[in-house]
Amino acid sequence: MRGKILFVFGLAMGYVLGARAGRERYQQIKAGAEKIWMDPRVQEQVHTVEDFVKDKAPDLAEKATTAAKKVVSTVRNARDDKGE
């Protein structure tokens, strides 16, 4: 379901960005997009995603820090092996 919503949203955004139908048509599309965005079902999914991200962000930050430290260590070791 989320994929379908994103696909429709992408189509709408592409049309808005590429449309040359004038300001009136742009306003119609914008109003339609806002109506969809404010739909309670869409907002429910937005809140679900926000909660998921808030829950997972600390774990991802820790993993990213660990991975970055590993990369730095690997680069330092490679430079030391070359004698730089």
N, C-alpha and C. Protein backbone atom coordinates (compact mmCIF):
# COMPACT_ATOMS: atom_id res chain seq x y z
N MET A 1 0.83 -1.19 0.00
CA MET A 1 0.00 0.00 0.00
C MET A 1 0.87 1.26 0.00
N ARG A 2 1.94 1.25 0.84
CA ARG A 2 2.81 2.41 0.94
C ARG A 2 3.48 2.68 -0.40
N GLY A 3 3.85 1.60 -1.11
CA GLY A 3 4.47 1.76 -2.41
C GLY A 3 3.54 2.43 -3.41
N LYS A 4 2.27 2.07 -3.36
CA LYS A 4 1.29 2.69 -4.26
C LYS A 4 1.12 4.17 -3.96
N ILE A 5 1.08 4.50 -2.67
CA ILE A 5 0.93 5.90 -2.28
C ILE A 5 2.13 6.70 -2.76
N LEU A 6 3.33 6.15 -2.54
CA LEU A 6 4.54 6.85 -2.98
C LEU A 6 4.58 7.01 -4.50
N PHE A 7 4.13 5.99 -5.21
CA PHE A 7 4.11 6.05 -6.67
C PHE A 7 3.17 7.15 -7.15
N VAL A 8 1.96 7.19 -6.59
CA VAL A 8 0.99 8.22 -6.97
C VAL A 8 1.52 9.61 -6.60
N PHE A 9 2.12 9.72 -5.42
CA PHE A 9 2.69 11.00 -5.00
C PHE A 9 3.80 11.42 -5.96
N GLY A 10 4.64 10.48 -6.36
CA GLY A 10 5.71 10.78 -7.31
C GLY A 10 5.17 11.23 -8.66
N LEU A 11 4.13 10.57 -9.13
CA LEU A 11 3.52 10.99 -10.38
C LEU A 11 2.96 12.40 -10.29
N ALA A 12 2.29 12.67 -9.19
CA ALA A 12 1.71 14.01 -9.00
C ALA A 12 2.81 15.06 -8.94
N MET A 13 3.87 14.77 -8.20
CA MET A 13 4.97 15.74 -8.10
C MET A 13 5.64 15.93 -9.46
N GLY A 14 5.83 14.86 -10.20
CA GLY A 14 6.42 14.98 -11.53
C GLY A 14 5.57 15.83 -12.45
N TYR A 15 4.30 15.64 -12.37
CA TYR A 15 3.41 16.43 -13.21
C TYR A 15 3.44 17.90 -12.80
N VAL A 16 3.41 18.14 -11.49
CA VAL A 16 3.45 19.52 -11.00
C VAL A 16 4.73 20.20 -11.46
N LEU A 17 5.86 19.51 -11.30
CA LEU A 17 7.13 20.12 -11.66
C LEU A 17 7.29 20.29 -13.17
N GLY A 18 6.70 19.40 -13.93
CA GLY A 18 6.87 19.46 -15.37
C GLY A 18 5.73 20.10 -16.14
N ALA A 19 4.67 20.39 -15.44
CA ALA A 19 3.48 20.91 -16.13
C ALA A 19 3.71 22.33 -16.64
N ARG A 20 3.14 22.58 -17.78
CA ARG A 20 3.20 23.93 -18.33
C ARG A 20 1.76 24.41 -18.60
N ALA A 21 0.86 23.93 -17.76
CA ALA A 21 -0.55 24.23 -17.97
C ALA A 21 -0.98 25.54 -17.32
N GLY A 22 -0.05 26.21 -16.67
CA GLY A 22 -0.39 27.50 -16.09
C GLY A 22 -0.64 27.45 -14.61
N ARG A 23 -0.76 28.62 -14.06
CA ARG A 23 -0.91 28.77 -12.61
C ARG A 23 -2.20 28.16 -12.08
N GLU A 24 -3.28 28.28 -12.81
CA GLU A 24 -4.56 27.75 -12.35
C GLU A 24 -4.49 26.23 -12.18
N ARG A 25 -3.93 25.56 -13.17
CA ARG A 25 -3.80 24.09 -13.11
C ARG A 25 -2.86 23.70 -11.97
N TYR A 26 -1.80 24.46 -11.81
CA TYR A 26 -0.86 24.21 -10.71
C TYR A 26 -1.59 24.29 -9.37
N GLN A 27 -2.42 25.31 -9.19
CA GLN A 27 -3.16 25.47 -7.94
C GLN A 27 -4.12 24.30 -7.71
N GLN A 28 -4.74 23.81 -8.78
CA GLN A 28 -5.63 22.66 -8.67
C GLN A 28 -4.86 21.42 -8.21
N ILE A 29 -3.72 21.21 -8.82
CA ILE A 29 -2.91 20.04 -8.46
C ILE A 29 -2.41 20.17 -7.03
N LYS A 30 -1.96 21.35 -6.67
CA LYS A 30 -1.48 21.59 -5.31
C LYS A 30 -2.57 21.34 -4.28
N ALA A 31 -3.78 21.82 -4.57
CA ALA A 31 -4.91 21.61 -3.65
C ALA A 31 -5.23 20.12 -3.53
N GLY A 32 -5.17 19.40 -4.64
CA GLY A 32 -5.41 17.96 -4.60
C GLY A 32 -4.36 17.22 -3.79
N ALA A 33 -3.10 17.61 -3.97
CA ALA A 33 -2.01 16.98 -3.21
C ALA A 33 -2.16 17.27 -1.72
N GLU A 34 -2.52 18.48 -1.37
CA GLU A 34 -2.72 18.82 0.03
C GLU A 34 -3.88 18.03 0.63
N LYS A 35 -4.93 17.86 -0.16
CA LYS A 35 -6.09 17.09 0.31
C LYS A 35 -5.68 15.65 0.60
N ILE A 36 -4.89 15.06 -0.30
CA ILE A 36 -4.42 13.69 -0.09
C ILE A 36 -3.51 13.63 1.12
N TRP A 37 -2.58 14.59 1.22
CA TRP A 37 -1.63 14.60 2.33
C TRP A 37 -2.34 14.71 3.68
N MET A 38 -3.42 15.46 3.74
CA MET A 38 -4.13 15.67 4.99
C MET A 38 -5.14 14.57 5.29
N ASP A 39 -5.29 13.62 4.39
CA ASP A 39 -6.20 12.49 4.62
C ASP A 39 -5.77 11.74 5.88
N PRO A 40 -6.70 11.42 6.77
CA PRO A 40 -6.35 10.74 8.02
C PRO A 40 -5.59 9.43 7.80
N ARG A 41 -5.92 8.71 6.74
CA ARG A 41 -5.21 7.45 6.48
C ARG A 41 -3.75 7.70 6.13
N VAL A 42 -3.50 8.74 5.36
CA VAL A 42 -2.12 9.09 5.00
C VAL A 42 -1.37 9.56 6.25
N GLN A 43 -2.00 10.41 7.03
CA GLN A 43 -1.36 10.92 8.24
C GLN A 43 -1.07 9.81 9.24
N GLU A 44 -1.95 8.81 9.28
CA GLU A 44 -1.71 7.66 10.15
C GLU A 44 -0.43 6.95 9.74
N GLN A 45 -0.24 6.77 8.45
CA GLN A 45 0.98 6.13 7.96
C GLN A 45 2.20 7.01 8.20
N VAL A 46 2.04 8.32 8.06
CA VAL A 46 3.14 9.24 8.33
C VAL A 46 3.59 9.09 9.79
N HIS A 47 2.64 9.05 10.69
CA HIS A 47 2.98 8.91 12.11
C HIS A 47 3.62 7.55 12.39
N THR A 48 3.17 6.52 11.70
CA THR A 48 3.76 5.19 11.86
C THR A 48 5.23 5.23 11.45
N VAL A 49 5.51 5.86 10.32
CA VAL A 49 6.89 5.95 9.84
C VAL A 49 7.72 6.81 10.79
N GLU A 50 7.17 7.92 11.26
CA GLU A 50 7.90 8.78 12.20
C GLU A 50 8.26 8.01 13.47
N ASP A 51 7.32 7.25 14.00
CA ASP A 51 7.58 6.47 15.20
C ASP A 51 8.66 5.42 14.95
N PHE A 52 8.61 4.78 13.79
CA PHE A 52 9.61 3.77 13.43
C PHE A 52 11.00 4.41 13.37
N VAL A 53 11.09 5.56 12.73
CA VAL A 53 12.38 6.24 12.58
C VAL A 53 12.90 6.67 13.95
N LYS A 54 12.03 7.22 14.78
CA LYS A 54 12.46 7.64 16.12
C LYS A 54 12.96 6.45 16.93
N ASP A 55 12.34 5.31 16.72
CA ASP A 55 12.73 4.10 17.45
C ASP A 55 14.07 3.56 16.96
N LYS A 56 14.29 3.60 15.65
CA LYS A 56 15.48 2.99 15.06
C LYS A 56 16.68 3.93 14.94
N ALA A 57 16.48 5.23 15.00
CA ALA A 57 17.56 6.19 14.77
C ALA A 57 18.76 6.00 15.71
N PRO A 58 18.55 5.81 17.01
CA PRO A 58 19.72 5.63 17.88
C PRO A 58 20.56 4.40 17.50
N ASP A 59 19.91 3.31 17.14
CA ASP A 59 20.64 2.11 16.73
C ASP A 59 21.44 2.37 15.46
N LEU A 60 20.82 3.07 14.52
CA LEU A 60 21.51 3.36 13.26
C LEU A 60 22.68 4.30 13.49
N ALA A 61 22.53 5.27 14.36
CA ALA A 61 23.62 6.20 14.65
C ALA A 61 24.81 5.45 15.25
N GLU A 62 24.53 4.53 16.15
CA GLU A 62 25.60 3.73 16.76
C GLU A 62 26.30 2.86 15.72
N LYS A 63 25.53 2.23 14.85
CA LYS A 63 26.12 1.40 13.81
C LYS A 63 26.95 2.23 12.83
N ALA A 64 26.47 3.42 12.50
CA ALA A 64 27.20 4.29 11.59
C ALA A 64 28.52 4.74 12.22
N THR A 65 28.50 5.06 13.50
CA THR A 65 29.72 5.46 14.20
C THR A 65 30.73 4.32 14.23
N THR A 66 30.26 3.13 14.52
CA THR A 66 31.14 1.96 14.54
C THR A 66 31.74 1.70 13.17
N ALA A 67 30.92 1.79 12.14
CA ALA A 67 31.41 1.57 10.77
C ALA A 67 32.43 2.63 10.38
N ALA A 68 32.18 3.89 10.75
CA ALA A 68 33.11 4.96 10.42
C ALA A 68 34.45 4.75 11.12
N LYS A 69 34.43 4.34 12.36
CA LYS A 69 35.67 4.06 13.09
C LYS A 69 36.44 2.92 12.44
N LYS A 70 35.72 1.93 11.96
CA LYS A 70 36.36 0.79 11.30
C LYS A 70 37.04 1.25 10.01
N VAL A 71 36.38 2.10 9.26
CA VAL A 71 36.95 2.62 8.01
C VAL A 71 38.22 3.42 8.30
N VAL A 72 38.16 4.29 9.30
CA VAL A 72 39.33 5.09 9.66
C VAL A 72 40.49 4.18 10.05
N SER A 73 40.20 3.18 10.84
CA SER A 73 41.23 2.24 11.26
C SER A 73 41.84 1.50 10.07
N THR A 74 41.00 1.08 9.15
CA THR A 74 41.48 0.36 7.97
C THR A 74 42.36 1.26 7.11
N VAL A 75 41.96 2.51 6.93
CA VAL A 75 42.74 3.45 6.13
C VAL A 75 44.09 3.72 6.80
N ARG A 76 44.07 3.93 8.10
CA ARG A 76 45.32 4.17 8.83
C ARG A 76 46.26 2.98 8.70
N ASN A 77 45.73 1.78 8.86
CA ASN A 77 46.56 0.58 8.74
C ASN A 77 47.13 0.44 7.34
N ALA A 78 46.34 0.76 6.33
CA ALA A 78 46.81 0.67 4.95
C ALA A 78 47.92 1.69 4.71
N ARG A 79 47.77 2.89 5.25
CA ARG A 79 48.83 3.91 5.10
C ARG A 79 50.09 3.49 5.83
N ASP A 80 49.94 2.93 7.02
CA ASP A 80 51.12 2.49 7.80
C ASP A 80 51.84 1.36 7.09
N ASP A 81 51.11 0.46 6.45
CA ASP A 81 51.71 -0.64 5.72
C ASP A 81 52.53 -0.17 4.53
N LYS A 82 52.12 0.96 3.93
CA LYS A 82 52.83 1.53 2.79
C LYS A 82 54.03 2.36 3.25
N GLY A 83 54.08 2.65 4.54
CA GLY A 83 55.20 3.43 5.07
C GLY A 83 54.99 4.92 4.96
N GLU A 84 53.80 5.38 4.80
CA GLU A 84 53.52 6.82 4.68
C GLU A 84 53.45 7.48 6.00
